[in-house]
Every structure is written in structure tokens, then in C-alpha cells.
């Protein structure tokens, strides 16, 4: 979220600083350009689509060309391996006849 505290609106743009050592960027700016009116807010959205567990980062430049302002941002994402467990370690179906049926609910915790 960005706020424009000035008395005039301005246009902004995001530009990714490409890292040649990475094969592809895991971050995408969904609002690469826009206008923030005087005294208003503007939401800026980044999408993160990782393909492996770990920490990932990407450098971006936020620019206001009319004011010749540039600010660098570091966008960071982290993926952890999920910890999925059953709420109970065992199930008791009770006594059943051959070909009998029983139903139990298993709760999964993430």
C-alpha cells in the first residue's frame, strides 16, 4: 500500500532488477504501473509462485518518473515443508462381523 501525501497525483512504475544467476523469477508484479491521486492510497500486488522449499528473493525498483525518484525494494518469500499430522494416532472400529462396515472420522492437522 502506498500513500500520496502530496498536493498532486503522480504515476509510478515497478521494474524488476534481473539477476542473471537465477533461471527465472518467482515474483511477479501484478500492478507494474499506476496512478496515485493526491491524498489517496494505492494497493500494489506481488505474486509469489515458488517451485521448491527455501528462501527466495527478488530486487525491484519503485520509480516516480515525474519526480525522478527511484527506491530499491527487496521482496522476500519463504516456503516451509508442511507438517501434516493425524489428530489421533490410532482408530478403533470396534467388533465387526465379516464383511461388516464401520465409519470413523480422521482429522488432519496442518
Protein backbone atom coordinates (compact mmCIF):
# COMPACT_ATOMS: atom_id res chain seq x y z
CA UNK A 1 0.00 0.00 0.00
CA UNK A 2 1.38 3.39 -0.97
CA UNK A 3 0.05 6.76 0.13
CA UNK A 4 0.43 10.00 -1.81
CA UNK A 5 0.70 12.81 0.78
CA UNK A 6 1.48 15.47 -1.85
CA UNK A 7 -0.92 18.00 -3.40
CA UNK A 8 -0.67 16.43 -6.86
CA UNK A 9 -1.11 12.96 -8.31
CA UNK A 10 1.78 11.03 -9.78
CA UNK A 11 2.38 7.96 -11.88
CA UNK A 12 4.55 5.13 -10.57
CA UNK A 13 6.14 2.02 -12.03
CA UNK A 14 7.85 -1.11 -10.75
CA UNK A 15 10.86 -2.58 -12.54
CA UNK A 16 12.50 -5.86 -11.60
CA UNK A 17 16.28 -5.88 -11.29
CA UNK A 18 17.10 -9.03 -13.25
CA UNK A 19 19.59 -11.41 -11.64
CA UNK A 20 21.44 -13.32 -14.37
CA UNK A 21 22.38 -16.12 -11.95
CA UNK A 22 18.72 -17.12 -11.45
CA UNK A 23 16.97 -19.08 -14.17
CA UNK A 24 13.56 -17.47 -13.63
CA UNK A 25 11.90 -15.01 -11.30
CA UNK A 26 9.49 -16.42 -8.72
CA UNK A 27 7.92 -12.99 -8.18
CA UNK A 28 5.65 -11.02 -10.49
CA UNK A 29 4.28 -7.54 -10.01
CA UNK A 30 0.54 -7.52 -10.80
CA UNK A 31 0.49 -3.69 -10.72
CA UNK A 32 3.62 -2.68 -12.68
CA UNK A 33 2.28 0.82 -13.41
CA UNK A 34 -0.35 3.06 -11.95
CA UNK A 35 -1.51 6.44 -10.77
CA UNK A 36 -1.84 7.60 -7.17
CA UNK A 37 -4.08 10.65 -6.81
CA UNK A 38 -3.34 13.40 -4.30
CA UNK A 39 -4.08 12.30 -0.72
CA UNK A 40 -5.10 8.78 -1.82
CA UNK A 41 -3.78 5.25 -1.34
CA UNK A 42 -2.92 2.66 -3.95
CA UNK A 43 -2.50 -1.07 -3.44
CA UNK A 44 0.41 -2.79 -5.16
CA UNK A 45 0.28 -6.55 -5.58
CA UNK A 46 3.16 -9.00 -5.97
CA UNK A 47 2.57 -12.67 -6.79
CA UNK A 48 4.89 -15.36 -5.47
CA UNK A 49 4.92 -18.76 -7.21
CA UNK A 50 7.75 -20.88 -5.79
CA UNK A 51 8.61 -24.31 -7.10
CA UNK A 52 10.83 -25.52 -4.27
CA UNK A 53 11.25 -25.25 -0.50
CA UNK A 54 13.51 -22.47 0.79
CA UNK A 55 14.02 -18.72 0.91
CA UNK A 56 13.68 -16.69 -2.27
CA UNK A 57 14.23 -13.03 -3.02
CA UNK A 58 13.93 -10.53 -5.82
CA UNK A 59 15.05 -6.91 -6.17
CA UNK A 60 12.67 -4.29 -7.55
CA UNK A 61 12.88 -0.59 -8.33
CA UNK A 62 9.93 1.65 -7.46
CA UNK A 63 10.03 4.71 -9.71
CA UNK A 64 8.18 8.01 -9.87
CA UNK A 65 9.47 9.32 -13.22
CA UNK A 66 7.93 12.81 -12.97
CA UNK A 67 9.83 13.46 -9.72
CA UNK A 68 12.95 11.50 -10.76
CA UNK A 69 12.59 9.32 -7.64
CA UNK A 70 13.83 5.73 -7.53
CA UNK A 71 13.75 3.45 -4.48
CA UNK A 72 15.05 -0.12 -4.34
CA UNK A 73 12.95 -2.84 -2.66
CA UNK A 74 13.85 -6.39 -1.68
CA UNK A 75 10.90 -8.76 -1.92
CA UNK A 76 11.37 -11.98 0.09
CA UNK A 77 9.35 -15.20 0.23
CA UNK A 78 9.81 -18.37 2.28
CA UNK A 79 8.44 -21.86 1.67
CA UNK A 80 8.41 -24.38 4.53
CA UNK A 81 7.75 -28.06 4.22
CA UNK A 82 4.22 -28.69 5.53
CA UNK A 83 3.84 -30.53 8.82
CA UNK A 84 0.72 -32.66 8.27
CA UNK A 85 -0.42 -34.92 11.14
CA UNK A 86 -3.39 -37.03 12.10
CA UNK A 87 -5.16 -35.75 15.22
CA UNK A 88 -5.26 -39.30 16.63
CA UNK A 89 -2.55 -41.92 16.29
CA UNK A 90 -4.97 -44.85 16.15
CA UNK A 91 -8.53 -45.75 15.14
CA UNK A 92 -10.86 -48.18 16.92
CA UNK A 93 -13.53 -49.69 14.72
CA UNK A 94 -14.88 -51.96 17.46
CA UNK A 95 -16.09 -55.52 16.91
CA UNK A 96 -17.28 -56.18 13.34
CA UNK A 97 -18.76 -59.18 11.62
CA UNK A 98 -17.09 -60.43 8.48
CA UNK A 99 -18.00 -58.03 5.59
CA UNK A 100 -19.33 -55.59 8.17
CA UNK A 101 -18.92 -51.87 7.73
CA UNK A 102 -17.84 -49.11 10.11
CA UNK A 103 -17.17 -45.44 9.71
CA UNK A 104 -14.73 -43.19 11.57
CA UNK A 105 -13.67 -39.60 11.02
CA UNK A 106 -9.98 -38.76 10.78
CA UNK A 107 -8.93 -35.17 11.39
CA UNK A 108 -5.83 -33.91 9.62
CA UNK A 109 -3.80 -31.08 11.17
CA UNK A 110 -1.53 -28.91 9.07
